[in-house]
Amino acid sequence: MTFKGRHFDRSLILLCVRWYLAYGLSLRNLEKMMAERCITVHHATIHRWVVRYSPELLQRVNLQKRAVGRK
């Protein structure tokens, strides 16, 4: 994943995207959660991150899944 030119740290971007996908939080809830951590980020920015990085994250997760077989 390329994070070149982003204003926020890659760990923050991945955290927001992961929380959005895993827990079904709204974008505005994520915005408030980041504000509680003294990080000002707009919900539209989080949405752009989700659109940009979620397909690649899902692809990486699917590559790491093990095949389910019969025993």
C-alpha atoms as a PDB file:
ATOM      1  CA  MET A   1       0.000   0.000   0.000  1.00  0.00           C
ATOM      2  CA  THR A   2       1.235   3.427  -0.812  1.00  0.00           C
ATOM      3  CA  PHE A   3       0.736   6.223   1.659  1.00  0.00           C
ATOM      4  CA  LYS A   4       2.937   8.732  -0.123  1.00  0.00           C
ATOM      5  CA  GLY A   5       1.622  12.281   0.099  1.00  0.00           C
ATOM      6  CA  ARG A   6      -0.858  11.578   2.882  1.00  0.00           C
ATOM      7  CA  HIS A   7      -1.197  14.139   5.674  1.00  0.00           C
ATOM      8  CA  PHE A   8      -1.876  11.505   8.323  1.00  0.00           C
ATOM      9  CA  ASP A   9       0.247   8.618   9.540  1.00  0.00           C
ATOM     10  CA  ARG A  10      -0.375   5.270   7.860  1.00  0.00           C
ATOM     11  CA  SER A  11      -1.194   3.631  11.202  1.00  0.00           C
ATOM     12  CA  LEU A  12      -4.046   6.106  11.770  1.00  0.00           C
ATOM     13  CA  ILE A  13      -5.401   5.549   8.258  1.00  0.00           C
ATOM     14  CA  LEU A  14      -5.325   1.768   8.630  1.00  0.00           C
ATOM     15  CA  LEU A  15      -6.871   1.972  12.098  1.00  0.00           C
ATOM     16  CA  CYS A  16      -9.832   4.014  10.856  1.00  0.00           C
ATOM     17  CA  VAL A  17     -10.387   1.786   7.827  1.00  0.00           C
ATOM     18  CA  ARG A  18     -10.116  -1.390   9.910  1.00  0.00           C
ATOM     19  CA  TRP A  19     -12.554  -0.104  12.546  1.00  0.00           C
ATOM     20  CA  TYR A  20     -14.989   0.998   9.857  1.00  0.00           C
ATOM     21  CA  LEU A  21     -14.924  -2.385   8.145  1.00  0.00           C
ATOM     22  CA  ALA A  22     -14.750  -4.625  11.214  1.00  0.00           C
ATOM     23  CA  TYR A  23     -17.180  -2.935  13.577  1.00  0.00           C
ATOM     24  CA  GLY A  24     -19.590  -1.137  11.254  1.00  0.00           C
ATOM     25  CA  LEU A  25     -19.000   2.240  12.880  1.00  0.00           C
ATOM     26  CA  SER A  26     -20.337   5.285  11.105  1.00  0.00           C
ATOM     27  CA  LEU A  27     -17.915   7.764   9.622  1.00  0.00           C
ATOM     28  CA  ARG A  28     -19.099  10.438  12.030  1.00  0.00           C
ATOM     29  CA  ASN A  29     -18.557   8.102  14.987  1.00  0.00           C
ATOM     30  CA  LEU A  30     -15.005   7.511  13.810  1.00  0.00           C
ATOM     31  CA  GLU A  31     -14.535  11.262  13.479  1.00  0.00           C
ATOM     32  CA  LYS A  32     -15.659  11.703  17.109  1.00  0.00           C
ATOM     33  CA  MET A  33     -13.448   8.836  18.296  1.00  0.00           C
ATOM     34  CA  MET A  34     -10.420  10.424  16.665  1.00  0.00           C
ATOM     35  CA  ALA A  35     -11.350  13.801  18.194  1.00  0.00           C
ATOM     36  CA  GLU A  36     -11.323  12.141  21.643  1.00  0.00           C
ATOM     37  CA  ARG A  37      -7.715  11.214  20.868  1.00  0.00           C
ATOM     38  CA  CYS A  38      -6.958  14.855  19.899  1.00  0.00           C
ATOM     39  CA  ILE A  39      -6.769  14.008  16.186  1.00  0.00           C
ATOM     40  CA  THR A  40      -8.799  16.273  13.922  1.00  0.00           C
ATOM     41  CA  VAL A  41      -9.953  14.386  10.858  1.00  0.00           C
ATOM     42  CA  HIS A  42     -13.131  14.995   8.854  1.00  0.00           C
ATOM     43  CA  HIS A  43     -15.548  12.139   8.190  1.00  0.00           C
ATOM     44  CA  ALA A  44     -15.268  12.739   4.430  1.00  0.00           C
ATOM     45  CA  THR A  45     -11.533  12.129   4.680  1.00  0.00           C
ATOM     46  CA  ILE A  46     -12.161   8.819   6.430  1.00  0.00           C
ATOM     47  CA  HIS A  47     -14.605   7.909   3.656  1.00  0.00           C
ATOM     48  CA  ARG A  48     -11.937   8.583   1.014  1.00  0.00           C
ATOM     49  CA  TRP A  49      -9.548   6.332   2.948  1.00  0.00           C
ATOM     50  CA  VAL A  50     -12.149   3.548   3.066  1.00  0.00           C
ATOM     51  CA  VAL A  51     -12.814   3.823  -0.667  1.00  0.00           C
ATOM     52  CA  ARG A  52      -9.083   3.891  -1.453  1.00  0.00           C
ATOM     53  CA  TYR A  53      -7.702   1.247   0.935  1.00  0.00           C
ATOM     54  CA  SER A  54     -10.504  -1.242   1.698  1.00  0.00           C
ATOM     55  CA  PRO A  55     -10.247  -3.213  -1.597  1.00  0.00           C
ATOM     56  CA  GLU A  56      -6.519  -3.684  -1.090  1.00  0.00           C
ATOM     57  CA  LEU A  57      -6.958  -4.655   2.566  1.00  0.00           C
ATOM     58  CA  LEU A  58      -9.622  -7.211   1.663  1.00  0.00           C
ATOM     59  CA  GLN A  59      -7.383  -8.657  -1.047  1.00  0.00           C
ATOM     60  CA  ARG A  60      -4.502  -9.043   1.415  1.00  0.00           C
ATOM     61  CA  VAL A  61      -6.756 -10.703   3.975  1.00  0.00           C
ATOM     62  CA  ASN A  62      -8.097 -13.142   1.378  1.00  0.00           C
ATOM     63  CA  LEU A  63      -4.549 -14.101   0.381  1.00  0.00           C
ATOM     64  CA  GLN A  64      -3.752 -15.024   3.978  1.00  0.00           C
ATOM     65  CA  LYS A  65      -6.810 -17.221   4.461  1.00  0.00           C
ATOM     66  CA  ARG A  66      -6.154 -20.911   4.640  1.00  0.00           C
ATOM     67  CA  ALA A  67      -8.148 -23.282   2.517  1.00  0.00           C
ATOM     68  CA  VAL A  68     -10.800 -25.223   4.364  1.00  0.00           C
ATOM     69  CA  GLY A  69     -10.486 -28.913   3.714  1.00  0.00           C
ATOM     70  CA  ARG A  70     -12.155 -32.117   4.818  1.00  0.00           C
ATOM     71  CA  LYS A  71     -10.554 -34.478   7.279  1.00  0.00           C
END
